Amino acid sequence: MTEGLDIEIRRRRLRYRSARTGTKETDLLLGDVIARLGHELPPEEVAQAERLLTANDVDITNWISGRTPAPAEHDTPFLARLRREALNRNDRR
């Protein structure tokens, strides 16, 4: 898909796409994390995030929140990071 592109270009695309997923909840959960941490994501997690964005928005929100388990192909270190960040976000409030 985007594997051959420069990592910085992929991070910028990821930042844009994650803030405009189609549902406000996913935009807030995913977009916020990418906006804050996207510049430091290793290439493996960038690829995991890119794959995650191919899933249904409602599913992504449910996987981040833990309402439903993620399928194996999306149950990645990046999704674990999203879950931790979502919990930390709630703790900050």
Protein backbone atom coordinates (compact mmCIF):
# COMPACT_ATOMS: atom_id res chain seq x y z
CA MET A 1 0.00 0.00 0.00
CA THR A 2 2.18 2.89 1.25
CA GLU A 3 5.18 0.86 2.37
CA GLY A 4 7.53 2.44 -0.22
CA LEU A 5 6.76 6.03 0.79
CA ASP A 6 9.01 8.08 3.04
CA ILE A 7 8.02 7.59 6.69
CA GLU A 8 7.42 11.32 7.23
CA ILE A 9 4.98 11.45 4.32
CA ARG A 10 3.18 8.42 5.73
CA ARG A 11 2.98 10.05 9.18
CA ARG A 12 1.51 13.24 7.69
CA ARG A 13 -1.07 11.24 5.72
CA LEU A 14 -1.90 9.25 8.82
CA ARG A 15 -2.45 12.45 10.81
CA TYR A 16 -4.82 13.77 8.17
CA ARG A 17 -6.74 10.50 7.73
CA SER A 18 -7.05 9.80 11.45
CA ALA A 19 -8.74 13.14 12.09
CA ARG A 20 -11.30 12.57 9.33
CA THR A 21 -12.44 8.98 9.73
CA GLY A 22 -16.16 9.53 9.33
CA THR A 23 -17.34 9.36 12.94
CA LYS A 24 -16.67 11.98 15.57
CA GLU A 25 -15.86 9.43 18.27
CA THR A 26 -13.15 7.79 16.18
CA ASP A 27 -11.83 11.18 15.08
CA LEU A 28 -11.47 12.18 18.72
CA LEU A 29 -9.92 8.94 19.94
CA LEU A 30 -7.63 8.15 17.03
CA GLY A 31 -7.03 11.65 15.69
CA ASP A 32 -5.99 13.02 19.07
CA VAL A 33 -3.43 10.28 19.65
CA ILE A 34 -1.97 10.59 16.16
CA ALA A 35 -1.81 14.38 16.45
CA ARG A 36 0.13 14.11 19.71
CA LEU A 37 2.26 11.02 19.07
CA GLY A 38 2.29 10.41 15.33
CA HIS A 39 5.66 12.06 14.82
CA GLU A 40 7.32 9.49 17.10
CA LEU A 41 5.59 6.32 15.90
CA PRO A 42 8.03 3.70 14.62
CA PRO A 43 7.44 2.50 11.04
CA GLU A 44 5.84 -0.75 12.26
CA GLU A 45 3.18 1.17 14.20
CA VAL A 46 2.61 3.55 11.30
CA ALA A 47 1.84 0.48 9.16
CA GLN A 48 -0.44 -0.90 11.89
CA ALA A 49 -2.29 2.42 12.09
CA GLU A 50 -2.66 2.53 8.31
CA ARG A 51 -4.18 -0.98 8.36
CA LEU A 52 -6.45 -0.02 11.27
CA LEU A 53 -7.88 2.83 9.22
CA THR A 54 -9.17 0.30 6.68
CA ALA A 55 -11.60 -1.03 9.31
CA ASN A 56 -15.09 0.24 10.05
CA ASP A 57 -15.09 3.37 12.24
CA VAL A 58 -17.55 1.95 14.75
CA ASP A 59 -15.43 -1.18 15.10
CA ILE A 60 -12.31 0.93 15.69
CA THR A 61 -14.05 2.88 18.46
CA ASN A 62 -15.30 -0.35 20.06
CA TRP A 63 -11.82 -1.93 19.92
CA ILE A 64 -10.18 1.15 21.47
CA SER A 65 -12.76 1.35 24.22
CA GLY A 66 -12.63 -2.39 24.85
CA ARG A 67 -16.34 -2.89 24.19
CA THR A 68 -15.50 -5.62 21.70
CA PRO A 69 -12.27 -7.55 21.13
CA ALA A 70 -10.26 -6.66 18.05
CA PRO A 71 -9.61 -9.35 15.47
CA ALA A 72 -6.05 -10.66 15.39
CA GLU A 73 -5.00 -8.57 12.38
CA HIS A 74 -5.86 -5.37 14.27
CA ASP A 75 -4.86 -6.44 17.78
CA THR A 76 -1.44 -4.81 17.49
CA PRO A 77 0.97 -2.78 19.62
CA PHE A 78 -0.50 0.35 18.02
CA LEU A 79 -4.02 -0.56 19.16
CA ALA A 80 -2.64 -1.25 22.65
CA ARG A 81 -1.08 2.24 22.58
CA LEU A 82 -4.45 3.71 21.57
CA ARG A 83 -6.16 1.96 24.48
CA ARG A 84 -3.55 3.24 26.96
CA GLU A 85 -3.83 6.76 25.60
CA ALA A 86 -7.63 6.65 25.77
CA LEU A 87 -7.45 5.55 29.42
CA ASN A 88 -4.89 8.24 30.22
CA ARG A 89 -7.07 10.82 28.52
CA ASN A 90 -9.98 9.87 30.79
CA ASP A 91 -7.70 10.04 33.84
CA ARG A 92 -6.62 13.58 32.92
CA ARG A 93 -10.21 14.82 33.00
